[in-house]
Amino acid sequence: MFLYRDDYYDAQNEDARLIDIIIANHRNGETGTIKAKWFGKYQKVMA
């Protein structure tokens, strides 16, 4: 599982609260990307 926040690399990004949760490898299951919201003040991720 990987976490990707575009605003970490691009501070001028408009969607500063969006985070991608990337499931790259899963035995006997699906892989893919989940969009979620990031609340940095509380270190919280909500899908």
PDB file of N, CA and C in Angstrom:
ATOM      1  N   MET A   1       0.855  -1.161   0.000  1.00  0.00           N
ATOM      2  CA  MET A   1       0.000   0.000   0.000  1.00  0.00           C
ATOM      3  C   MET A   1       0.905   1.230   0.000  1.00  0.00           C
ATOM      4  N   PHE A   2       0.595   2.176  -0.864  1.00  0.00           N
ATOM      5  CA  PHE A   2       1.341   3.417  -0.976  1.00  0.00           C
ATOM      6  C   PHE A   2       0.385   4.590  -0.800  1.00  0.00           C
ATOM      7  N   LEU A   3       0.880   5.670  -0.229  1.00  0.00           N
ATOM      8  CA  LEU A   3       0.104   6.905  -0.099  1.00  0.00           C
ATOM      9  C   LEU A   3       0.749   7.962  -0.983  1.00  0.00           C
ATOM     10  N   TYR A   4      -0.065   8.714  -1.717  1.00  0.00           N
ATOM     11  CA  TYR A   4       0.440   9.757  -2.600  1.00  0.00           C
ATOM     12  C   TYR A   4      -0.383  11.021  -2.397  1.00  0.00           C
ATOM     13  N   ARG A   5       0.303  12.099  -2.040  1.00  0.00           N
ATOM     14  CA  ARG A   5      -0.325  13.426  -1.932  1.00  0.00           C
ATOM     15  C   ARG A   5       0.346  14.344  -2.937  1.00  0.00           C
ATOM     16  N   ASP A   6      -0.419  14.870  -3.878  1.00  0.00           N
ATOM     17  CA  ASP A   6       0.142  15.732  -4.915  1.00  0.00           C
ATOM     18  C   ASP A   6       0.663  17.037  -4.330  1.00  0.00           C
ATOM     19  N   ASP A   7       0.041  17.551  -3.289  1.00  0.00           N
ATOM     20  CA  ASP A   7       0.485  18.829  -2.722  1.00  0.00           C
ATOM     21  C   ASP A   7       1.855  18.719  -2.044  1.00  0.00           C
ATOM     22  N   TYR A   8       2.304  17.521  -1.716  1.00  0.00           N
ATOM     23  CA  TYR A   8       3.646  17.332  -1.158  1.00  0.00           C
ATOM     24  C   TYR A   8       4.704  17.698  -2.191  1.00  0.00           C
ATOM     25  N   TYR A   9       4.426  17.415  -3.458  1.00  0.00           N
ATOM     26  CA  TYR A   9       5.359  17.690  -4.544  1.00  0.00           C
ATOM     27  C   TYR A   9       5.069  19.009  -5.248  1.00  0.00           C
ATOM     28  N   ASP A  10       3.829  19.469  -5.205  1.00  0.00           N
ATOM     29  CA  ASP A  10       3.422  20.704  -5.883  1.00  0.00           C
ATOM     30  C   ASP A  10       2.621  21.546  -4.897  1.00  0.00           C
ATOM     31  N   ALA A  11       3.261  22.505  -4.264  1.00  0.00           N
ATOM     32  CA  ALA A  11       2.617  23.315  -3.225  1.00  0.00           C
ATOM     33  C   ALA A  11       1.506  24.196  -3.783  1.00  0.00           C
ATOM     34  N   GLN A  12       1.493  24.469  -5.084  1.00  0.00           N
ATOM     35  CA  GLN A  12       0.479  25.319  -5.700  1.00  0.00           C
ATOM     36  C   GLN A  12      -0.763  24.535  -6.118  1.00  0.00           C
ATOM     37  N   ASN A  13      -0.842  23.288  -5.734  1.00  0.00           N
ATOM     38  CA  ASN A  13      -1.963  22.431  -6.122  1.00  0.00           C
ATOM     39  C   ASN A  13      -3.261  22.915  -5.477  1.00  0.00           C
ATOM     40  N   GLU A  14      -4.341  22.911  -6.248  1.00  0.00           N
ATOM     41  CA  GLU A  14      -5.641  23.362  -5.740  1.00  0.00           C
ATOM     42  C   GLU A  14      -6.296  22.324  -4.839  1.00  0.00           C
ATOM     43  N   ASP A  15      -6.063  21.040  -5.100  1.00  0.00           N
ATOM     44  CA  ASP A  15      -6.678  19.961  -4.327  1.00  0.00           C
ATOM     45  C   ASP A  15      -5.726  19.507  -3.227  1.00  0.00           C
ATOM     46  N   ALA A  16      -5.438  20.389  -2.295  1.00  0.00           N
ATOM     47  CA  ALA A  16      -4.434  20.115  -1.269  1.00  0.00           C
ATOM     48  C   ALA A  16      -4.882  19.045  -0.287  1.00  0.00           C
ATOM     49  N   ARG A  17      -6.158  18.765  -0.187  1.00  0.00           N
ATOM     50  CA  ARG A  17      -6.646  17.805   0.796  1.00  0.00           C
ATOM     51  C   ARG A  17      -6.885  16.421   0.229  1.00  0.00           C
ATOM     52  N   LEU A  18      -6.555  16.200  -1.037  1.00  0.00           N
ATOM     53  CA  LEU A  18      -6.792  14.888  -1.633  1.00  0.00           C
ATOM     54  C   LEU A  18      -5.560  13.999  -1.491  1.00  0.00           C
ATOM     55  N   ILE A  19      -5.803  12.718  -1.260  1.00  0.00           N
ATOM     56  CA  ILE A  19      -4.735  11.743  -1.138  1.00  0.00           C
ATOM     57  C   ILE A  19      -5.155  10.493  -1.908  1.00  0.00           C
ATOM     58  N   ASP A  20      -4.202   9.845  -2.543  1.00  0.00           N
ATOM     59  CA  ASP A  20      -4.453   8.580  -3.238  1.00  0.00           C
ATOM     60  C   ASP A  20      -3.865   7.457  -2.397  1.00  0.00           C
ATOM     61  N   ILE A  21      -4.661   6.435  -2.140  1.00  0.00           N
ATOM     62  CA  ILE A  21      -4.185   5.227  -1.480  1.00  0.00           C
ATOM     63  C   ILE A  21      -4.069   4.183  -2.580  1.00  0.00           C
ATOM     64  N   ILE A  22      -2.859   3.771  -2.872  1.00  0.00           N
ATOM     65  CA  ILE A  22      -2.599   2.880  -3.994  1.00  0.00           C
ATOM     66  C   ILE A  22      -2.332   1.471  -3.448  1.00  0.00           C
ATOM     67  N   ILE A  23      -3.194   0.539  -3.814  1.00  0.00           N
ATOM     68  CA  ILE A  23      -2.999  -0.865  -3.463  1.00  0.00           C
ATOM     69  C   ILE A  23      -2.253  -1.488  -4.639  1.00  0.00           C
ATOM     70  N   ALA A  24      -0.961  -1.732  -4.461  1.00  0.00           N
ATOM     71  CA  ALA A  24      -0.125  -2.183  -5.565  1.00  0.00           C
ATOM     72  C   ALA A  24      -0.024  -3.700  -5.649  1.00  0.00           C
ATOM     73  N   ASN A  25      -0.187  -4.391  -4.541  1.00  0.00           N
ATOM     74  CA  ASN A  25      -0.043  -5.837  -4.539  1.00  0.00           C
ATOM     75  C   ASN A  25      -0.983  -6.415  -3.492  1.00  0.00           C
ATOM     76  N   HIS A  26      -1.770  -7.398  -3.892  1.00  0.00           N
ATOM     77  CA  HIS A  26      -2.715  -8.000  -2.960  1.00  0.00           C
ATOM     78  C   HIS A  26      -2.896  -9.459  -3.354  1.00  0.00           C
ATOM     79  N   ARG A  27      -2.482 -10.353  -2.499  1.00  0.00           N
ATOM     80  CA  ARG A  27      -2.603 -11.775  -2.803  1.00  0.00           C
ATOM     81  C   ARG A  27      -4.077 -12.153  -2.893  1.00  0.00           C
ATOM     82  N   ASN A  28      -4.468 -12.732  -4.000  1.00  0.00           N
ATOM     83  CA  ASN A  28      -5.836 -13.186  -4.244  1.00  0.00           C
ATOM     84  C   ASN A  28      -6.863 -12.057  -4.186  1.00  0.00           C
ATOM     85  N   GLY A  29      -6.459 -10.845  -4.507  1.00  0.00           N
ATOM     86  CA  GLY A  29      -7.400  -9.735  -4.464  1.00  0.00           C
ATOM     87  C   GLY A  29      -7.124  -8.711  -5.552  1.00  0.00           C
ATOM     88  N   GLU A  30      -7.896  -7.659  -5.519  1.00  0.00           N
ATOM     89  CA  GLU A  30      -7.776  -6.608  -6.520  1.00  0.00           C
ATOM     90  C   GLU A  30      -6.717  -5.585  -6.132  1.00  0.00           C
ATOM     91  N   THR A  31      -6.157  -4.944  -7.135  1.00  0.00           N
ATOM     92  CA  THR A  31      -5.273  -3.798  -6.927  1.00  0.00           C
ATOM     93  C   THR A  31      -5.972  -2.577  -7.496  1.00  0.00           C
ATOM     94  N   GLY A  32      -5.537  -1.398  -7.073  1.00  0.00           N
ATOM     95  CA  GLY A  32      -6.164  -0.189  -7.589  1.00  0.00           C
ATOM     96  C   GLY A  32      -5.845   1.012  -6.731  1.00  0.00           C
ATOM     97  N   THR A  33      -6.588   2.075  -6.956  1.00  0.00           N
ATOM     98  CA  THR A  33      -6.381   3.341  -6.262  1.00  0.00           C
ATOM     99  C   THR A  33      -7.682   3.795  -5.614  1.00  0.00           C
ATOM    100  N   ILE A  34      -7.570   4.290  -4.397  1.00  0.00           N
ATOM    101  CA  ILE A  34      -8.709   4.811  -3.646  1.00  0.00           C
ATOM    102  C   ILE A  34      -8.445   6.293  -3.386  1.00  0.00           C
ATOM    103  N   LYS A  35      -9.418   7.132  -3.685  1.00  0.00           N
ATOM    104  CA  LYS A  35      -9.313   8.568  -3.398  1.00  0.00           C
ATOM    105  C   LYS A  35      -9.845   8.828  -1.988  1.00  0.00           C
ATOM    106  N   ALA A  36      -9.156   9.686  -1.238  1.00  0.00           N
ATOM    107  CA  ALA A  36      -9.574  10.008   0.120  1.00  0.00           C
ATOM    108  C   ALA A  36      -9.207  11.458   0.414  1.00  0.00           C
ATOM    109  N   LYS A  37      -9.644  11.944   1.565  1.00  0.00           N
ATOM    110  CA  LYS A  37      -9.315  13.306   2.001  1.00  0.00           C
ATOM    111  C   LYS A  37      -8.310  13.240   3.136  1.00  0.00           C
ATOM    112  N   TRP A  38      -7.386  14.160   3.128  1.00  0.00           N
ATOM    113  CA  TRP A  38      -6.301  14.235   4.099  1.00  0.00           C
ATOM    114  C   TRP A  38      -6.516  15.438   5.007  1.00  0.00           C
ATOM    115  N   PHE A  39      -6.500  15.210   6.303  1.00  0.00           N
ATOM    116  CA  PHE A  39      -6.616  16.274   7.298  1.00  0.00           C
ATOM    117  C   PHE A  39      -5.298  16.321   8.056  1.00  0.00           C
ATOM    118  N   GLY A  40      -4.365  17.130   7.576  1.00  0.00           N
ATOM    119  CA  GLY A  40      -3.015  17.183   8.120  1.00  0.00           C
ATOM    120  C   GLY A  40      -2.949  17.650   9.566  1.00  0.00           C
ATOM    121  N   LYS A  41      -3.839  18.532   9.947  1.00  0.00           N
ATOM    122  CA  LYS A  41      -3.844  19.047  11.318  1.00  0.00           C
ATOM    123  C   LYS A  41      -4.059  17.916  12.323  1.00  0.00           C
ATOM    124  N   TYR A  42      -4.848  16.916  11.935  1.00  0.00           N
ATOM    125  CA  TYR A  42      -5.149  15.793  12.823  1.00  0.00           C
ATOM    126  C   TYR A  42      -4.455  14.504  12.410  1.00  0.00           C
ATOM    127  N   GLN A  43      -3.652  14.534  11.318  1.00  0.00           N
ATOM    128  CA  GLN A  43      -3.013  13.336  10.768  1.00  0.00           C
ATOM    129  C   GLN A  43      -4.055  12.250  10.512  1.00  0.00           C
ATOM    130  N   LYS A  44      -5.130  12.631   9.819  1.00  0.00           N
ATOM    131  CA  LYS A  44      -6.277  11.749   9.616  1.00  0.00           C
ATOM    132  C   LYS A  44      -6.587  11.635   8.124  1.00  0.00           C
ATOM    133  N   VAL A  45      -6.922  10.418   7.696  1.00  0.00           N
ATOM    134  CA  VAL A  45      -7.349  10.159   6.320  1.00  0.00           C
ATOM    135  C   VAL A  45      -8.748   9.598   6.373  1.00  0.00           C
ATOM    136  N   MET A  46      -9.647  10.181   5.561  1.00  0.00           N
ATOM    137  CA  MET A  46     -11.035   9.713   5.514  1.00  0.00           C
ATOM    138  C   MET A  46     -11.415   9.443   4.064  1.00  0.00           C
ATOM    139  N   ALA A  47     -11.958   8.258   3.827  1.00  0.00           N
ATOM    140  CA  ALA A  47     -12.376   7.887   2.467  1.00  0.00           C
ATOM    141  C   ALA A  47     -13.804   8.298   2.221  1.00  0.00           C
TER     142      ALA A  47
END
